[in-house]
Amino acid sequence: MSKPEIKRIDDAEPTLKEMQEYVGGYIQVVYINDESEMVIDEEGKLKGKSVNKEATTIAHEHQAIFNDDYIAGDVMLLSGKARLS
């Protein structure tokens, strides 16, 4: 199993299909702050995907997830014009 990655996008909002293909399933959006949000695989943990340490650290630093929680699998980090909200 390869190391999970973060794909940073800030120039244009990705399509639903692009997000689903990158994260490998149904998407879940995790609000990070006023400038960014993270798109993750809604069922990443259930599918046994590896912990994404970098994404988990970012989410913890912004109190976007509980201290004992983690992000699994590949992640899109959206900012600027790429944000969904």
Protein backbone atom coordinates (compact mmCIF):
# COMPACT_ATOMS: atom_id res chain seq x y z
CA MET A 1 0.00 0.00 0.00
CA SER A 2 1.45 3.37 -0.99
CA LYS A 3 1.83 6.35 1.31
CA PRO A 4 -1.29 8.56 1.24
CA GLU A 5 -0.81 11.94 -0.42
CA ILE A 6 -2.25 15.44 -0.33
CA LYS A 7 -3.11 17.13 -3.61
CA ARG A 8 -3.23 20.91 -3.12
CA ILE A 9 -5.55 22.80 -5.46
CA ASP A 10 -6.18 26.55 -5.47
CA ASP A 11 -6.87 27.60 -9.06
CA ALA A 12 -10.25 26.04 -9.92
CA GLU A 13 -12.94 23.98 -8.20
CA PRO A 14 -12.55 20.28 -9.07
CA THR A 15 -15.57 18.36 -10.34
CA LEU A 16 -17.29 15.78 -8.18
CA LYS A 17 -15.93 13.06 -10.45
CA GLU A 18 -12.35 14.36 -10.09
CA MET A 19 -12.66 14.45 -6.30
CA GLN A 20 -14.17 10.97 -6.11
CA GLU A 21 -11.52 9.51 -8.39
CA TYR A 22 -8.68 11.09 -6.42
CA VAL A 23 -9.87 10.07 -2.95
CA GLY A 24 -11.15 6.71 -4.17
CA GLY A 25 -14.78 6.87 -3.14
CA TYR A 26 -17.62 9.03 -1.91
CA ILE A 27 -16.35 12.38 -0.70
CA GLN A 28 -16.58 14.01 2.70
CA VAL A 29 -15.57 17.64 3.18
CA VAL A 30 -13.68 18.57 6.34
CA TYR A 31 -13.70 22.30 7.08
CA ILE A 32 -10.18 23.44 8.01
CA ASN A 33 -10.49 27.24 8.25
CA ASP A 34 -11.89 30.22 6.33
CA GLU A 35 -9.35 29.66 3.56
CA SER A 36 -9.28 25.91 3.09
CA GLU A 37 -11.15 22.63 3.27
CA MET A 38 -10.12 19.03 2.91
CA VAL A 39 -11.85 16.46 0.70
CA ILE A 40 -11.46 12.91 2.01
CA ASP A 41 -12.87 9.45 1.27
CA GLU A 42 -16.00 9.17 3.41
CA GLU A 43 -15.27 5.48 4.02
CA GLY A 44 -11.47 5.59 4.02
CA LYS A 45 -11.13 4.04 7.47
CA LEU A 46 -13.69 1.32 6.74
CA LYS A 47 -11.78 0.43 3.56
CA GLY A 48 -8.57 0.03 5.58
CA LYS A 49 -6.74 2.92 3.94
CA SER A 50 -3.50 4.02 5.57
CA VAL A 51 -3.34 6.99 7.92
CA ASN A 52 -2.50 10.20 6.10
CA LYS A 53 -0.17 11.67 8.73
CA GLU A 54 0.22 15.06 7.05
CA ALA A 55 -3.54 15.52 6.57
CA THR A 56 -4.21 14.35 10.12
CA THR A 57 -1.70 16.86 11.49
CA ILE A 58 -3.31 19.69 9.51
CA ALA A 59 -6.78 18.69 10.74
CA HIS A 60 -5.60 18.48 14.36
CA GLU A 61 -3.82 21.85 14.19
CA HIS A 62 -7.10 23.49 13.12
CA GLN A 63 -9.24 21.42 15.50
CA ALA A 64 -11.17 20.08 12.50
CA ILE A 65 -11.26 16.55 13.94
CA PHE A 66 -11.12 15.10 17.46
CA ASN A 67 -7.68 14.48 18.99
CA ASP A 68 -8.11 10.69 18.79
CA ASP A 69 -9.36 10.77 15.18
CA TYR A 70 -7.35 10.56 11.96
CA ILE A 71 -7.61 11.05 8.21
CA ALA A 72 -7.17 7.95 6.02
CA GLY A 73 -6.16 7.80 2.37
CA ASP A 74 -5.45 10.42 -0.27
CA VAL A 75 -6.78 13.93 0.33
CA MET A 76 -7.48 17.04 -1.73
CA LEU A 77 -6.74 20.29 0.10
CA LEU A 78 -8.78 23.04 -1.52
CA SER A 79 -8.12 26.75 -1.14
CA GLY A 80 -8.66 29.96 -3.10
CA LYS A 81 -10.87 29.48 -6.18
CA ALA A 82 -10.95 25.71 -5.60
CA ARG A 83 -13.00 25.92 -2.40
CA LEU A 84 -16.44 24.34 -2.51
CA SER A 85 -18.13 26.72 -0.07
